[in-house]
N, C-alpha and C. Protein backbone atom coordinates (compact mmCIF):
# COMPACT_ATOMS: atom_id res chain seq x y z
N UNK A 1 0.86 -1.17 0.00
CA UNK A 1 0.00 0.00 0.00
C UNK A 1 0.90 1.23 0.00
N UNK A 2 0.61 2.14 -0.87
CA UNK A 2 1.42 3.33 -0.99
C UNK A 2 0.54 4.57 -0.86
N UNK A 3 1.19 5.67 -0.51
CA UNK A 3 0.53 6.96 -0.39
C UNK A 3 -0.05 7.36 -1.74
N UNK A 4 -1.25 7.90 -1.71
CA UNK A 4 -1.89 8.44 -2.90
C UNK A 4 -2.28 9.87 -2.58
N UNK A 5 -2.26 10.71 -3.58
CA UNK A 5 -2.58 12.12 -3.38
C UNK A 5 -4.00 12.31 -2.82
N UNK A 6 -4.90 11.40 -3.10
CA UNK A 6 -6.26 11.50 -2.59
C UNK A 6 -6.31 11.41 -1.06
N UNK A 7 -5.23 10.92 -0.43
CA UNK A 7 -5.17 10.84 1.03
C UNK A 7 -4.77 12.17 1.66
N UNK A 8 -4.37 13.13 0.86
CA UNK A 8 -3.92 14.41 1.39
C UNK A 8 -5.04 15.11 2.16
N UNK A 9 -4.68 15.65 3.33
CA UNK A 9 -5.64 16.42 4.11
C UNK A 9 -5.44 17.91 3.89
N UNK A 10 -4.42 18.28 3.11
CA UNK A 10 -4.19 19.68 2.80
C UNK A 10 -3.33 20.43 3.81
N UNK A 11 -2.76 19.71 4.77
CA UNK A 11 -1.83 20.31 5.73
C UNK A 11 -0.49 19.61 5.48
N UNK A 12 0.45 20.33 4.93
CA UNK A 12 1.69 19.73 4.43
C UNK A 12 2.41 18.84 5.46
N UNK A 13 2.59 19.34 6.66
CA UNK A 13 3.31 18.55 7.67
C UNK A 13 2.55 17.28 8.04
N UNK A 14 1.24 17.36 8.12
CA UNK A 14 0.44 16.18 8.44
C UNK A 14 0.50 15.18 7.28
N UNK A 15 0.42 15.68 6.05
CA UNK A 15 0.54 14.78 4.90
C UNK A 15 1.89 14.08 4.89
N UNK A 16 2.96 14.78 5.22
CA UNK A 16 4.29 14.16 5.27
C UNK A 16 4.34 13.09 6.36
N UNK A 17 3.72 13.36 7.49
CA UNK A 17 3.69 12.37 8.56
C UNK A 17 2.85 11.16 8.16
N UNK A 18 1.75 11.40 7.48
CA UNK A 18 0.95 10.28 6.99
C UNK A 18 1.76 9.43 6.01
N UNK A 19 2.56 10.08 5.18
CA UNK A 19 3.39 9.34 4.24
C UNK A 19 4.39 8.45 4.98
N UNK A 20 4.93 8.93 6.09
CA UNK A 20 5.84 8.11 6.90
C UNK A 20 5.09 6.89 7.45
N UNK A 21 3.85 7.09 7.92
CA UNK A 21 3.05 5.96 8.40
C UNK A 21 2.84 4.93 7.28
N UNK A 22 2.56 5.41 6.08
CA UNK A 22 2.41 4.51 4.94
C UNK A 22 3.72 3.79 4.63
N UNK A 23 4.84 4.49 4.78
CA UNK A 23 6.15 3.87 4.56
C UNK A 23 6.37 2.72 5.54
N UNK A 24 6.01 2.94 6.81
CA UNK A 24 6.14 1.87 7.79
C UNK A 24 5.23 0.70 7.44
N UNK A 25 4.03 1.00 7.02
CA UNK A 25 3.11 -0.07 6.62
C UNK A 25 3.69 -0.85 5.45
N UNK A 26 4.20 -0.15 4.46
CA UNK A 26 4.77 -0.80 3.28
C UNK A 26 5.98 -1.65 3.67
N UNK A 27 6.80 -1.14 4.58
CA UNK A 27 7.94 -1.91 5.07
C UNK A 27 7.46 -3.19 5.74
N UNK A 28 6.43 -3.08 6.57
CA UNK A 28 5.86 -4.25 7.24
C UNK A 28 5.32 -5.24 6.20
N UNK A 29 4.56 -4.71 5.26
CA UNK A 29 3.95 -5.54 4.21
C UNK A 29 5.02 -6.27 3.40
N UNK A 30 6.06 -5.55 2.99
CA UNK A 30 7.14 -6.15 2.20
C UNK A 30 7.91 -7.17 3.02
N UNK A 31 8.10 -6.89 4.29
CA UNK A 31 8.81 -7.82 5.15
C UNK A 31 8.03 -9.12 5.31
N UNK A 32 6.72 -9.02 5.43
CA UNK A 32 5.87 -10.22 5.50
C UNK A 32 6.01 -11.01 4.20
N UNK A 33 5.92 -10.31 3.06
CA UNK A 33 6.00 -10.98 1.76
C UNK A 33 7.35 -11.66 1.56
N UNK A 34 8.40 -11.10 2.16
CA UNK A 34 9.75 -11.66 2.01
C UNK A 34 10.10 -12.66 3.10
N UNK A 35 9.12 -13.01 3.93
CA UNK A 35 9.33 -14.04 4.94
C UNK A 35 10.17 -13.61 6.13
N UNK A 36 10.09 -12.34 6.49
CA UNK A 36 10.85 -11.85 7.64
C UNK A 36 10.47 -12.61 8.90
N UNK A 37 11.42 -12.73 9.81
CA UNK A 37 11.14 -13.43 11.06
C UNK A 37 10.33 -12.55 11.99
N UNK A 38 9.85 -13.18 13.06
CA UNK A 38 8.99 -12.50 14.02
C UNK A 38 9.63 -11.24 14.58
N UNK A 39 10.89 -11.32 14.98
CA UNK A 39 11.52 -10.17 15.64
C UNK A 39 11.63 -8.97 14.70
N UNK A 40 11.89 -9.22 13.43
CA UNK A 40 11.96 -8.12 12.47
C UNK A 40 10.61 -7.44 12.28
N UNK A 41 9.56 -8.25 12.20
CA UNK A 41 8.21 -7.69 12.05
C UNK A 41 7.79 -6.94 13.30
N UNK A 42 8.12 -7.51 14.44
CA UNK A 42 7.78 -6.87 15.71
C UNK A 42 8.46 -5.50 15.81
N UNK A 43 9.72 -5.43 15.41
CA UNK A 43 10.47 -4.17 15.47
C UNK A 43 9.82 -3.11 14.59
N UNK A 44 9.39 -3.48 13.40
CA UNK A 44 8.72 -2.52 12.51
C UNK A 44 7.43 -2.03 13.14
N UNK A 45 6.68 -2.94 13.73
CA UNK A 45 5.42 -2.58 14.39
C UNK A 45 5.67 -1.60 15.54
N UNK A 46 6.72 -1.83 16.29
CA UNK A 46 7.07 -0.93 17.39
C UNK A 46 7.46 0.45 16.84
N UNK A 47 8.22 0.48 15.77
CA UNK A 47 8.58 1.76 15.15
C UNK A 47 7.35 2.50 14.66
N UNK A 48 6.44 1.78 14.01
CA UNK A 48 5.20 2.39 13.54
C UNK A 48 4.42 2.98 14.71
N UNK A 49 4.29 2.20 15.77
CA UNK A 49 3.56 2.65 16.96
C UNK A 49 4.20 3.90 17.55
N UNK A 50 5.52 3.91 17.67
CA UNK A 50 6.21 5.05 18.26
C UNK A 50 6.05 6.30 17.39
N UNK A 51 6.13 6.14 16.07
CA UNK A 51 5.93 7.29 15.20
C UNK A 51 4.48 7.75 15.26
N UNK A 52 3.55 6.82 15.32
CA UNK A 52 2.12 7.18 15.42
C UNK A 52 1.87 7.99 16.69
N UNK A 53 2.54 7.66 17.77
CA UNK A 53 2.37 8.41 19.02
C UNK A 53 2.75 9.89 18.83
N UNK A 54 3.86 10.12 18.15
CA UNK A 54 4.29 11.49 17.86
C UNK A 54 3.29 12.17 16.93
N UNK A 55 2.94 11.47 15.87
CA UNK A 55 2.01 12.03 14.88
C UNK A 55 0.66 12.38 15.51
N UNK A 56 0.12 11.48 16.32
CA UNK A 56 -1.16 11.74 16.95
C UNK A 56 -1.08 12.93 17.89
N UNK A 57 0.04 13.09 18.57
CA UNK A 57 0.21 14.25 19.46
C UNK A 57 0.16 15.55 18.66
N UNK A 58 0.76 15.54 17.48
CA UNK A 58 0.72 16.73 16.61
C UNK A 58 -0.71 17.01 16.18
N UNK A 59 -1.40 15.97 15.72
CA UNK A 59 -2.79 16.15 15.29
C UNK A 59 -3.66 16.67 16.43
N UNK A 60 -3.52 16.06 17.59
CA UNK A 60 -4.35 16.45 18.72
C UNK A 60 -4.06 17.89 19.15
N UNK A 61 -2.81 18.31 19.04
CA UNK A 61 -2.47 19.70 19.35
C UNK A 61 -3.15 20.65 18.38
N UNK A 62 -3.15 20.29 17.09
CA UNK A 62 -3.84 21.12 16.10
C UNK A 62 -5.33 21.20 16.39
N UNK A 63 -5.92 20.08 16.73
CA UNK A 63 -7.36 20.06 17.02
C UNK A 63 -7.68 20.96 18.22
N UNK A 64 -6.88 20.86 19.27
CA UNK A 64 -7.09 21.72 20.44
C UNK A 64 -6.87 23.19 20.08
N UNK A 65 -5.80 23.46 19.34
CA UNK A 65 -5.44 24.83 18.98
C UNK A 65 -6.55 25.51 18.18
N UNK A 66 -7.18 24.75 17.29
CA UNK A 66 -8.20 25.34 16.41
C UNK A 66 -9.63 25.03 16.86
N UNK A 67 -9.78 24.51 18.07
CA UNK A 67 -11.11 24.30 18.62
C UNK A 67 -11.97 23.35 17.82
N UNK A 68 -11.38 22.28 17.32
CA UNK A 68 -12.15 21.31 16.55
C UNK A 68 -13.17 20.62 17.45
N UNK A 69 -14.45 20.68 17.09
CA UNK A 69 -15.49 20.12 17.97
C UNK A 69 -15.44 18.60 18.11
N UNK A 70 -14.79 17.90 17.21
CA UNK A 70 -14.69 16.45 17.28
C UNK A 70 -13.43 15.94 17.95
N UNK A 71 -12.74 16.82 18.68
CA UNK A 71 -11.45 16.45 19.26
C UNK A 71 -11.55 15.24 20.18
N UNK A 72 -12.47 15.23 21.10
CA UNK A 72 -12.56 14.13 22.07
C UNK A 72 -12.80 12.78 21.37
N UNK A 73 -13.69 12.78 20.39
CA UNK A 73 -13.95 11.54 19.65
C UNK A 73 -12.72 11.09 18.87
N UNK A 74 -12.03 12.04 18.29
CA UNK A 74 -10.84 11.74 17.49
C UNK A 74 -9.75 11.15 18.39
N UNK A 75 -9.56 11.74 19.55
CA UNK A 75 -8.57 11.24 20.50
C UNK A 75 -8.94 9.82 20.93
N UNK A 76 -10.22 9.55 21.10
CA UNK A 76 -10.66 8.19 21.45
C UNK A 76 -10.26 7.18 20.37
N UNK A 77 -10.34 7.59 19.12
CA UNK A 77 -9.93 6.71 18.03
C UNK A 77 -8.43 6.44 18.07
N UNK A 78 -7.66 7.46 18.40
CA UNK A 78 -6.21 7.29 18.53
C UNK A 78 -5.90 6.31 19.67
N UNK A 79 -6.59 6.45 20.77
CA UNK A 79 -6.39 5.56 21.91
C UNK A 79 -6.77 4.12 21.55
N UNK A 80 -7.84 3.95 20.80
CA UNK A 80 -8.26 2.62 20.37
C UNK A 80 -7.21 1.99 19.46
N UNK A 81 -6.58 2.81 18.62
CA UNK A 81 -5.50 2.33 17.76
C UNK A 81 -4.38 1.74 18.61
N UNK A 82 -3.97 2.46 19.64
CA UNK A 82 -2.88 1.97 20.49
C UNK A 82 -3.27 0.71 21.25
N UNK A 83 -4.50 0.63 21.69
CA UNK A 83 -4.96 -0.59 22.36
C UNK A 83 -4.88 -1.78 21.40
N UNK A 84 -5.30 -1.58 20.15
CA UNK A 84 -5.27 -2.66 19.16
C UNK A 84 -3.83 -3.06 18.84
N UNK A 85 -2.95 -2.09 18.66
CA UNK A 85 -1.56 -2.41 18.37
C UNK A 85 -0.94 -3.17 19.54
N UNK A 86 -1.23 -2.75 20.76
CA UNK A 86 -0.72 -3.45 21.93
C UNK A 86 -1.23 -4.90 21.95
N UNK A 87 -2.50 -5.07 21.63
CA UNK A 87 -3.09 -6.41 21.57
C UNK A 87 -2.37 -7.26 20.52
N UNK A 88 -2.14 -6.69 19.33
CA UNK A 88 -1.47 -7.43 18.26
C UNK A 88 -0.03 -7.77 18.66
N UNK A 89 0.65 -6.83 19.31
CA UNK A 89 2.01 -7.11 19.77
C UNK A 89 2.00 -8.27 20.75
N UNK A 90 1.06 -8.27 21.69
CA UNK A 90 0.96 -9.33 22.68
C UNK A 90 0.63 -10.68 22.01
N UNK A 91 -0.34 -10.67 21.13
CA UNK A 91 -0.74 -11.89 20.44
C UNK A 91 0.39 -12.44 19.59
N UNK A 92 1.22 -11.55 19.05
CA UNK A 92 2.30 -12.00 18.18
C UNK A 92 3.35 -12.81 18.94
N UNK A 93 3.35 -12.73 20.26
CA UNK A 93 4.26 -13.53 21.05
C UNK A 93 3.84 -15.00 21.08
N UNK A 94 2.55 -15.25 20.77
CA UNK A 94 2.02 -16.60 20.88
C UNK A 94 1.62 -17.22 19.54
N UNK A 95 1.32 -16.39 18.57
CA UNK A 95 0.81 -16.91 17.30
C UNK A 95 1.15 -15.93 16.17
N UNK A 96 0.99 -16.36 14.95
CA UNK A 96 1.24 -15.51 13.79
C UNK A 96 0.03 -14.61 13.54
N UNK A 97 0.23 -13.32 13.72
CA UNK A 97 -0.86 -12.36 13.52
C UNK A 97 -0.57 -11.42 12.35
N UNK A 98 0.36 -11.80 11.49
CA UNK A 98 0.77 -10.90 10.42
C UNK A 98 -0.37 -10.53 9.49
N UNK A 99 -1.20 -11.50 9.09
CA UNK A 99 -2.29 -11.18 8.17
C UNK A 99 -3.30 -10.25 8.83
N UNK A 100 -3.64 -10.54 10.08
CA UNK A 100 -4.57 -9.68 10.80
C UNK A 100 -4.01 -8.28 11.00
N UNK A 101 -2.71 -8.20 11.23
CA UNK A 101 -2.06 -6.90 11.41
C UNK A 101 -2.09 -6.12 10.11
N UNK A 102 -1.76 -6.78 9.01
CA UNK A 102 -1.80 -6.11 7.70
C UNK A 102 -3.20 -5.58 7.39
N UNK A 103 -4.19 -6.41 7.60
CA UNK A 103 -5.57 -6.00 7.31
C UNK A 103 -5.99 -4.83 8.20
N UNK A 104 -5.67 -4.93 9.48
CA UNK A 104 -6.05 -3.85 10.40
C UNK A 104 -5.36 -2.54 10.03
N UNK A 105 -4.06 -2.58 9.82
CA UNK A 105 -3.33 -1.35 9.51
C UNK A 105 -3.81 -0.73 8.20
N UNK A 106 -4.01 -1.55 7.19
CA UNK A 106 -4.48 -1.03 5.90
C UNK A 106 -5.83 -0.34 6.07
N UNK A 107 -6.76 -1.03 6.69
CA UNK A 107 -8.09 -0.45 6.88
C UNK A 107 -8.03 0.80 7.74
N UNK A 108 -7.31 0.73 8.85
CA UNK A 108 -7.27 1.84 9.79
C UNK A 108 -6.63 3.07 9.16
N UNK A 109 -5.48 2.91 8.52
CA UNK A 109 -4.80 4.09 7.95
C UNK A 109 -5.68 4.81 6.94
N UNK A 110 -6.18 4.06 5.99
CA UNK A 110 -6.98 4.69 4.92
C UNK A 110 -8.27 5.28 5.48
N UNK A 111 -9.01 4.50 6.25
CA UNK A 111 -10.29 4.97 6.77
C UNK A 111 -10.11 6.15 7.70
N UNK A 112 -9.13 6.09 8.57
CA UNK A 112 -8.92 7.17 9.54
C UNK A 112 -8.54 8.47 8.82
N UNK A 113 -7.64 8.38 7.88
CA UNK A 113 -7.23 9.59 7.15
C UNK A 113 -8.40 10.15 6.34
N UNK A 114 -9.05 9.29 5.59
CA UNK A 114 -10.10 9.76 4.67
C UNK A 114 -11.33 10.29 5.42
N UNK A 115 -11.64 9.72 6.56
CA UNK A 115 -12.85 10.13 7.27
C UNK A 115 -12.58 11.07 8.43
N UNK A 116 -11.67 10.70 9.29
CA UNK A 116 -11.46 11.46 10.52
C UNK A 116 -10.50 12.63 10.33
N UNK A 117 -9.33 12.36 9.77
CA UNK A 117 -8.34 13.43 9.64
C UNK A 117 -8.79 14.52 8.69
N UNK A 118 -9.47 14.15 7.64
CA UNK A 118 -9.97 15.17 6.72
C UNK A 118 -11.00 16.06 7.40
N UNK A 119 -11.66 15.53 8.43
CA UNK A 119 -12.64 16.33 9.17
C UNK A 119 -12.01 17.49 9.90
N UNK A 120 -10.95 17.24 10.67
CA UNK A 120 -10.33 18.36 11.39
C UNK A 120 -9.58 19.27 10.43
N UNK A 121 -9.00 18.70 9.37
CA UNK A 121 -8.29 19.53 8.39
C UNK A 121 -9.26 20.48 7.69
N UNK A 122 -10.45 20.00 7.39
CA UNK A 122 -11.46 20.86 6.77
C UNK A 122 -11.90 21.95 7.72
N UNK A 123 -12.03 21.62 8.99
CA UNK A 123 -12.37 22.61 10.02
C UNK A 123 -11.35 23.76 10.00
N UNK A 124 -10.08 23.39 9.93
CA UNK A 124 -9.01 24.40 9.89
C UNK A 124 -9.06 25.17 8.58
N UNK A 125 -9.22 24.45 7.47
CA UNK A 125 -9.26 25.10 6.15
C UNK A 125 -10.44 26.04 6.00
N UNK A 126 -11.52 25.77 6.73
CA UNK A 126 -12.71 26.62 6.65
C UNK A 126 -12.56 27.91 7.44
N UNK A 127 -11.37 28.16 7.97
CA UNK A 127 -11.11 29.44 8.61
C UNK A 127 -11.13 29.45 10.12
N UNK A 128 -11.03 28.29 10.75
CA UNK A 128 -10.99 28.26 12.21
C UNK A 128 -9.79 29.06 12.70
N UNK A 129 -10.01 29.87 13.69
CA UNK A 129 -8.93 30.66 14.27
C UNK A 129 -8.34 29.93 15.46
N UNK A 130 -7.04 30.11 15.67
CA UNK A 130 -6.43 29.49 16.86
C UNK A 130 -7.09 30.03 18.12
N UNK A 131 -7.27 29.15 19.07
CA UNK A 131 -7.83 29.53 20.36
C UNK A 131 -6.67 29.78 21.30
N UNK A 132 -6.57 31.00 21.77
CA UNK A 132 -5.49 31.35 22.68
C UNK A 132 -6.02 31.30 24.10
N UNK A 133 -5.30 30.63 24.95
CA UNK A 133 -5.69 30.59 26.35
C UNK A 133 -5.28 31.90 27.01
N UNK A 134 -5.83 32.18 28.17
CA UNK A 134 -5.48 33.39 28.89
C UNK A 134 -3.98 33.43 29.17
N UNK A 135 -3.43 32.28 29.52
CA UNK A 135 -2.00 32.23 29.83
C UNK A 135 -1.16 32.57 28.60
N UNK A 136 -1.59 32.12 27.43
CA UNK A 136 -0.83 32.41 26.22
C UNK A 136 -0.96 33.85 25.81
N UNK A 137 -2.06 34.50 26.19
CA UNK A 137 -2.29 35.87 25.79
C UNK A 137 -1.67 36.91 26.73
N UNK A 138 -1.16 36.47 27.88
CA UNK A 138 -0.56 37.41 28.84
C UNK A 138 0.80 37.86 28.39
N UNK A 139 1.12 39.10 28.70
CA UNK A 139 2.44 39.63 28.38
C UNK A 139 3.39 39.29 29.50
N UNK A 140 4.60 39.00 29.11
CA UNK A 140 5.64 38.72 30.12
C UNK A 140 6.01 40.01 30.83
N UNK A 141 6.25 39.92 32.12
CA UNK A 141 6.64 41.11 32.90
C UNK A 141 8.08 41.41 32.74
């Protein structure tokens, strides 16, 4: 699975981060196809998870900054992603979960970007102004 321009949310840095997530997925997919051992696949999954943690933090900061009304629901989806990845990592210690992992990641990446991420990006593109907290608006003495 490779990045397609139709996945763009219109925020350059977010699109670049999504492309990195797709690169990790493709690396995982290719490693499975080439018969990589469990430890190699597990390492890629851990790298994907760690990058996703950073990426989700950036997204969530943007949602908070621009007052996106769906922020809480979106964060819940991010948390569910981590729970599922943790489950897959745990299951992979006992059985081969590569096919299930491939299917989950493919579905999740595309669906999440196309439905959820485009929602907050559209909110920003429609002219949402940054929400400044009182603390951010105070002048330093």
